[in-house]
Amino acid sequence: MRALAALVVILFLAGILASQMLYTVDMTQQAVVTEFGKPVGSITEPGLHYKKPFIQKVTYFDKWLLAWDGDPNQIPTLDKKYIFVDTFARWKITEPLKFFQSVRDVDTAQGRLDDIIDSAVRNQITQYNLIEAVRSTNRTMFIELMEGAAGEQAAATDTIKTGREKITELIQDEASALLPQYGIELVDVRIKRILYEEDVLKKVYDRMIAERKRMAEQHRSEGEAEKAEILGKKERELKTISSEAYRESQEIKGKADAEATRVYAEAYNKDPEFYSFLNTLEAYTESLREKTTVVLSTDSDFFKYLKDISAEEKK
């Protein structure tokens, strides 16, 4: 019984000793081995590793990318415009031993990154005008196209020589040069957003409002021009249609008059006396109304048929 208890104790002590001697490093990790608080080595390869029991300790660090998110800093541009620049970055620990010796842990490293990256951002932004920090290319904007000559003048004045993308690269280069001493590699830096100061923001809004008003006025003037063109086209088409219709009506009327003249001529040729009689009766109907007084000679041809009728009645 005592032998079994002793065996259990020995196995227990062996387990404790093994846990103190052996440790594993995951593929997503890297480690620093310290002896009495002083670093004596680093492990970057995953697997099972050995350390001196009880006197050595293992500190683990992540291998993957780590995030840094800065606070918006108020920075003056070269043309004296105050803006708030908000940046973020991605970094990783490349030399765990140097990292442990210089900054000890991730929280301290984040504070060091605050100082280095914020300083690089300030140094670069202050060397360029506001337009350089906002835009990356000289691509003609829609507003500039609408503004015409004014837009061309603005585009010529605000020519981009460096641009936001290049400034971001310069920020990364400046900050990266100071980080290898801490065992850190700065993988990427980006400007998240740029916020204008209140007076600058008001000027930006005023300019945007003015641009939109110019665009609206441009649209209205183009609409009026198109309206005038459409109305003019309509008037021309109406005149064309009316003249064509008048021409056709005159042709039809002329044909009708010609046909009527032909019919009258045929009727006259068949019985001139009867045709003359009918015409005279129509003249009587049109000219002799109630209370109409006509003074004519009795020898007038106008009363020829009336005289004949009177003569017949006397017989």
Protein backbone atom coordinates (compact mmCIF):
# COMPACT_ATOMS: atom_id res chain seq x y z
CA MET A 1 0.00 0.00 0.00
CA ARG A 2 2.82 2.34 0.88
CA ALA A 3 4.54 1.45 -2.37
CA LEU A 4 1.43 2.38 -4.35
CA ALA A 5 1.10 5.70 -2.53
CA ALA A 6 4.76 6.41 -3.14
CA LEU A 7 4.28 5.62 -6.83
CA VAL A 8 1.36 7.98 -7.04
CA VAL A 9 3.38 10.72 -5.39
CA ILE A 10 6.29 10.11 -7.72
CA LEU A 11 4.01 10.23 -10.76
CA PHE A 12 2.39 13.41 -9.49
CA LEU A 13 5.76 15.06 -8.96
CA ALA A 14 6.88 13.84 -12.39
CA GLY A 15 3.82 15.41 -13.95
CA ILE A 16 4.51 18.70 -12.23
CA LEU A 17 8.14 18.52 -13.30
CA ALA A 18 7.15 17.72 -16.88
CA SER A 19 4.70 20.64 -16.97
CA GLN A 20 7.50 22.89 -15.81
CA MET A 21 10.01 21.49 -18.29
CA LEU A 22 7.86 21.17 -21.42
CA TYR A 23 5.66 23.73 -23.18
CA THR A 24 3.99 24.02 -26.56
CA VAL A 25 3.93 26.91 -28.99
CA ASP A 26 0.91 27.14 -31.29
CA MET A 27 1.32 27.97 -34.97
CA THR A 28 -0.35 31.34 -34.34
CA GLN A 29 2.04 32.16 -31.50
CA GLN A 30 5.63 32.96 -30.73
CA ALA A 31 7.26 32.95 -27.31
CA VAL A 32 10.01 34.49 -25.21
CA VAL A 33 11.73 32.46 -22.47
CA THR A 34 12.83 34.40 -19.38
CA GLU A 35 15.01 33.29 -16.49
CA PHE A 36 14.44 35.19 -13.27
CA GLY A 37 12.70 37.88 -15.35
CA LYS A 38 15.51 38.28 -17.87
CA PRO A 39 14.92 37.12 -21.47
CA VAL A 40 17.21 34.28 -22.53
CA GLY A 41 15.71 33.22 -25.84
CA SER A 42 12.76 33.28 -28.22
CA ILE A 43 10.72 30.61 -29.98
CA THR A 44 9.12 31.34 -33.34
CA GLU A 45 8.51 27.77 -34.56
CA PRO A 46 5.42 25.86 -33.40
CA GLY A 47 5.77 22.57 -31.51
CA LEU A 48 6.87 21.08 -28.17
CA HIS A 49 9.81 22.81 -26.48
CA TYR A 50 11.96 22.40 -23.33
CA LYS A 51 12.78 24.91 -20.59
CA LYS A 52 14.41 24.77 -17.20
CA PRO A 53 11.78 23.96 -14.63
CA PHE A 54 10.78 26.51 -12.01
CA ILE A 55 13.45 29.06 -12.95
CA GLN A 56 12.34 29.80 -16.54
CA LYS A 57 9.02 31.27 -17.65
CA VAL A 58 7.42 31.48 -21.11
CA THR A 59 5.63 34.61 -22.39
CA TYR A 60 3.51 34.23 -25.51
CA PHE A 61 2.84 36.77 -28.27
CA ASP A 62 0.54 36.58 -31.30
CA LYS A 63 2.01 36.01 -34.73
CA TRP A 64 -0.93 37.39 -36.68
CA LEU A 65 -1.65 41.02 -37.55
CA LEU A 66 -2.57 43.31 -34.70
CA ALA A 67 -4.77 46.41 -34.95
CA TRP A 68 -3.88 49.95 -34.00
CA ASP A 69 -6.60 52.62 -34.06
CA GLY A 70 -5.55 56.17 -33.33
CA ASP A 71 -7.55 59.10 -32.02
CA PRO A 72 -8.45 62.02 -34.31
CA ASN A 73 -5.75 64.68 -34.03
CA GLN A 74 -6.18 68.32 -35.00
CA ILE A 75 -3.49 69.18 -37.54
CA PRO A 76 -2.92 72.37 -39.59
CA THR A 77 -2.28 71.90 -43.30
CA LEU A 78 0.25 73.89 -45.29
CA ASP A 79 -2.51 76.33 -46.38
CA LYS A 80 -3.48 76.90 -42.71
CA LYS A 81 -6.63 74.78 -42.71
CA TYR A 82 -7.19 72.95 -39.43
CA ILE A 83 -8.49 69.40 -39.86
CA PHE A 84 -8.94 66.33 -37.67
CA VAL A 85 -7.12 63.31 -39.13
CA ASP A 86 -8.24 59.86 -37.95
CA THR A 87 -5.88 56.99 -38.87
CA PHE A 88 -5.61 53.27 -38.29
CA ALA A 89 -2.82 50.74 -38.86
CA ARG A 90 -1.98 47.04 -38.88
CA TRP A 91 1.24 45.77 -37.34
CA LYS A 92 2.90 42.56 -36.18
CA ILE A 93 5.67 41.35 -33.91
CA THR A 94 8.58 40.12 -36.03
CA GLU A 95 11.26 39.75 -33.33
CA PRO A 96 9.67 38.65 -30.07
CA LEU A 97 12.90 38.83 -28.04
CA LYS A 98 13.60 42.43 -29.07
CA PHE A 99 9.92 43.26 -28.58
CA PHE A 100 9.98 41.88 -25.02
CA GLN A 101 13.21 43.69 -24.18
CA SER A 102 11.98 47.06 -25.46
CA VAL A 103 8.25 47.27 -24.70
CA ARG A 104 7.49 44.08 -22.69
CA ASP A 105 3.81 43.74 -23.76
CA VAL A 106 1.23 44.68 -26.39
CA ASP A 107 -0.38 47.48 -24.36
CA THR A 108 2.93 49.30 -24.02
CA ALA A 109 3.58 48.74 -27.74
CA GLN A 110 0.21 50.34 -28.59
CA GLY A 111 1.25 53.42 -26.61
CA ARG A 112 4.55 53.57 -28.46
CA LEU A 113 2.71 53.28 -31.78
CA ASP A 114 0.49 56.19 -30.72
CA ASP A 115 3.53 58.43 -30.39
CA ILE A 116 5.30 57.27 -33.56
CA ILE A 117 2.37 57.11 -35.99
CA ASP A 118 0.68 60.29 -34.74
CA SER A 119 3.99 62.13 -35.09
CA ALA A 120 4.45 60.83 -38.65
CA VAL A 121 0.89 61.82 -39.55
CA ARG A 122 1.42 65.35 -38.22
CA ASN A 123 4.78 65.73 -39.99
CA GLN A 124 3.38 64.72 -43.38
CA ILE A 125 0.00 66.49 -43.26
CA THR A 126 1.57 69.83 -42.32
CA GLN A 127 3.73 69.72 -45.46
CA TYR A 128 0.80 69.72 -47.92
CA ASN A 129 -2.30 71.75 -48.73
CA LEU A 130 -5.73 70.53 -47.71
CA ILE A 131 -6.63 69.40 -51.23
CA GLU A 132 -3.61 67.07 -51.26
CA ALA A 133 -4.83 65.29 -48.11
CA VAL A 134 -8.36 64.96 -49.44
CA ARG A 135 -7.85 63.87 -53.06
CA SER A 136 -5.48 61.41 -54.70
CA THR A 137 -5.80 62.22 -58.43
CA ASN A 138 -6.52 65.08 -60.82
CA ARG A 139 -9.54 63.25 -62.20
CA THR A 140 -12.09 65.83 -63.35
CA MET A 141 -15.05 65.81 -61.02
CA PHE A 142 -18.65 66.06 -62.24
CA ILE A 143 -19.00 69.40 -60.46
CA GLU A 144 -16.01 70.77 -62.37
CA LEU A 145 -17.56 69.64 -65.64
CA MET A 146 -20.79 71.45 -64.78
CA GLU A 147 -18.94 74.63 -63.78
CA GLY A 148 -17.34 75.00 -67.21
CA ALA A 149 -14.61 77.65 -67.28
CA ALA A 150 -14.85 78.20 -63.52
CA GLY A 151 -14.37 74.49 -62.98
CA GLU A 152 -11.33 74.46 -65.27
CA GLN A 153 -9.83 77.37 -63.34
CA ALA A 154 -10.49 75.61 -60.01
CA ALA A 155 -9.00 72.40 -61.35
CA ALA A 156 -5.89 74.24 -62.52
CA THR A 157 -5.52 75.96 -59.13
CA ASP A 158 -6.01 72.74 -57.13
CA THR A 159 -3.72 70.48 -59.14
CA ILE A 160 -2.80 67.35 -57.18
CA LYS A 161 0.96 66.74 -57.14
CA THR A 162 1.26 64.27 -54.25
CA GLY A 163 -2.22 63.22 -53.18
CA ARG A 164 -3.68 61.40 -50.21
CA GLU A 165 -2.51 57.95 -51.25
CA LYS A 166 1.12 59.06 -51.58
CA ILE A 167 0.93 60.98 -48.28
CA THR A 168 -0.28 57.78 -46.61
CA GLU A 169 2.71 55.91 -48.02
CA LEU A 170 5.06 58.62 -46.69
CA ILE A 171 3.45 58.33 -43.24
CA GLN A 172 4.02 54.56 -43.27
CA ASP A 173 7.63 54.95 -44.42
CA GLU A 174 8.42 57.50 -41.70
CA ALA A 175 6.81 55.44 -38.94
CA SER A 176 8.24 52.12 -40.19
CA ALA A 177 11.80 53.46 -39.97
CA LEU A 178 11.45 53.82 -36.16
CA LEU A 179 9.77 50.50 -35.34
CA PRO A 180 12.39 47.77 -36.06
CA GLN A 181 14.18 48.69 -32.81
CA TYR A 182 11.08 47.44 -31.01
CA GLY A 183 10.85 44.20 -33.01
CA ILE A 184 7.73 45.54 -34.76
CA GLU A 185 6.85 45.70 -38.45
CA LEU A 186 4.27 48.26 -39.58
CA VAL A 187 2.31 46.44 -42.28
CA ASP A 188 -0.15 49.15 -43.32
CA VAL A 189 -1.35 52.64 -42.43
CA ARG A 190 -4.54 54.24 -43.69
CA ILE A 191 -6.36 57.52 -43.15
CA LYS A 192 -9.78 56.49 -41.93
CA ARG A 193 -11.40 59.90 -42.27
CA ILE A 194 -10.69 63.62 -42.29
CA LEU A 195 -12.95 65.92 -40.31
CA TYR A 196 -12.98 69.65 -40.93
CA GLU A 197 -12.83 72.24 -38.20
CA GLU A 198 -16.08 74.16 -37.70
CA ASP A 199 -15.11 77.25 -39.73
CA VAL A 200 -13.58 75.12 -42.49
CA LEU A 201 -16.63 72.85 -42.47
CA LYS A 202 -18.91 75.87 -42.93
CA LYS A 203 -16.85 77.05 -45.90
CA VAL A 204 -16.99 73.56 -47.40
CA TYR A 205 -20.77 73.44 -46.98
CA ASP A 206 -21.13 76.92 -48.46
CA ARG A 207 -19.06 75.88 -51.46
CA MET A 208 -21.10 72.71 -51.87
CA ILE A 209 -24.34 74.71 -51.72
CA ALA A 210 -23.01 77.22 -54.26
CA GLU A 211 -21.91 74.40 -56.55
CA ARG A 212 -25.31 72.73 -56.33
CA LYS A 213 -27.03 76.03 -57.07
CA ARG A 214 -24.83 76.54 -60.13
CA MET A 215 -25.60 73.01 -61.25
CA ALA A 216 -29.34 73.60 -60.75
CA GLU A 217 -29.15 76.87 -62.70
CA GLN A 218 -27.23 75.10 -65.45
CA HIS A 219 -29.91 72.39 -65.62
CA ARG A 220 -32.65 75.02 -65.72
CA SER A 221 -30.98 76.98 -68.51
CA GLU A 222 -30.41 73.80 -70.50
CA GLY A 223 -34.05 72.86 -69.92
CA GLU A 224 -35.23 76.28 -71.13
CA ALA A 225 -33.04 75.99 -74.22
CA GLU A 226 -34.40 72.53 -74.96
CA LYS A 227 -37.94 73.77 -74.35
CA ALA A 228 -37.43 76.65 -76.80
CA GLU A 229 -36.02 74.22 -79.36
CA ILE A 230 -38.99 71.86 -78.96
CA LEU A 231 -41.50 74.74 -79.24
CA GLY A 232 -39.73 76.09 -82.30
CA LYS A 233 -39.77 72.66 -83.89
CA LYS A 234 -43.46 72.34 -83.07
CA GLU A 235 -44.24 75.72 -84.68
CA ARG A 236 -42.29 74.77 -87.79
CA GLU A 237 -44.11 71.45 -88.04
CA LEU A 238 -47.50 73.14 -87.52
CA LYS A 239 -46.74 75.65 -90.25
CA THR A 240 -45.60 72.87 -92.56
CA ILE A 241 -48.75 70.84 -91.87
CA SER A 242 -51.00 73.91 -92.25
CA SER A 243 -49.40 74.98 -95.52
CA GLU A 244 -49.62 71.45 -96.88
CA ALA A 245 -53.28 71.21 -95.87
CA TYR A 246 -54.01 74.64 -97.42
CA ARG A 247 -52.29 73.61 -100.62
CA GLU A 248 -54.31 70.39 -100.81
CA SER A 249 -57.56 72.23 -100.02
CA GLN A 250 -56.84 74.77 -102.75
CA GLU A 251 -56.12 71.98 -105.22
CA ILE A 252 -59.37 70.26 -104.30
CA LYS A 253 -61.28 73.53 -104.49
CA GLY A 254 -59.74 74.32 -107.85
CA LYS A 255 -60.70 70.89 -109.17
CA ALA A 256 -64.21 71.34 -107.81
CA ASP A 257 -64.56 74.76 -109.42
CA ALA A 258 -63.29 73.38 -112.68
CA GLU A 259 -65.76 70.49 -112.51
CA ALA A 260 -68.60 72.87 -111.65
CA THR A 261 -67.65 75.13 -114.56
CA ARG A 262 -67.58 72.10 -116.85
CA VAL A 263 -71.03 70.98 -115.67
CA TYR A 264 -72.42 74.50 -116.07
CA ALA A 265 -70.91 74.69 -119.56
CA GLU A 266 -72.43 71.37 -120.59
CA ALA A 267 -75.82 72.43 -119.22
CA TYR A 268 -75.61 75.75 -121.01
CA ASN A 269 -74.66 74.11 -124.29
CA LYS A 270 -77.59 71.70 -124.09
CA ASP A 271 -80.24 74.44 -123.56
CA PRO A 272 -78.93 77.98 -123.34
CA GLU A 273 -82.39 79.46 -123.01
CA PHE A 274 -83.36 77.25 -120.10
CA TYR A 275 -79.97 77.89 -118.41
CA SER A 276 -80.50 81.63 -118.76
CA PHE A 277 -84.01 81.26 -117.31
CA LEU A 278 -82.71 79.42 -114.24
CA ASN A 279 -79.98 81.98 -113.64
CA THR A 280 -82.50 84.79 -113.88
CA LEU A 281 -84.80 83.10 -111.37
CA GLU A 282 -81.89 82.75 -108.96
CA ALA A 283 -81.17 86.44 -109.43
CA TYR A 284 -84.81 87.24 -108.65
CA THR A 285 -84.62 85.17 -105.49
CA GLU A 286 -81.47 86.84 -104.30
CA SER A 287 -82.34 90.44 -105.20
CA LEU A 288 -86.09 90.72 -104.81
CA ARG A 289 -86.95 90.56 -101.12
CA GLU A 290 -89.92 91.80 -99.13
CA LYS A 291 -90.09 95.60 -99.19
CA THR A 292 -87.43 95.71 -101.91
CA THR A 293 -87.67 98.61 -104.29
CA VAL A 294 -86.01 98.35 -107.69
CA VAL A 295 -86.17 101.11 -110.29
CA LEU A 296 -85.41 99.80 -113.76
CA SER A 297 -86.39 100.54 -117.29
CA THR A 298 -89.21 98.41 -118.69
CA ASP A 299 -86.90 97.52 -121.52
CA SER A 300 -84.36 95.98 -119.11
CA ASP A 301 -83.43 92.37 -119.75
CA PHE A 302 -83.74 91.74 -116.00
CA PHE A 303 -87.55 91.74 -116.30
CA LYS A 304 -87.56 89.86 -119.57
CA TYR A 305 -89.16 86.71 -118.18
CA LEU A 306 -91.54 88.65 -115.95
CA LYS A 307 -92.81 90.48 -119.02
CA ASP A 308 -93.18 87.20 -120.87
CA ILE A 309 -95.16 85.78 -117.94
CA SER A 310 -97.43 88.85 -117.91
CA ALA A 311 -97.99 88.53 -121.62
CA GLU A 312 -98.97 84.90 -121.26
CA GLU A 313 -101.39 85.76 -118.47
CA LYS A 314 -103.08 88.42 -120.65
CA LYS A 315 -103.72 85.90 -123.36
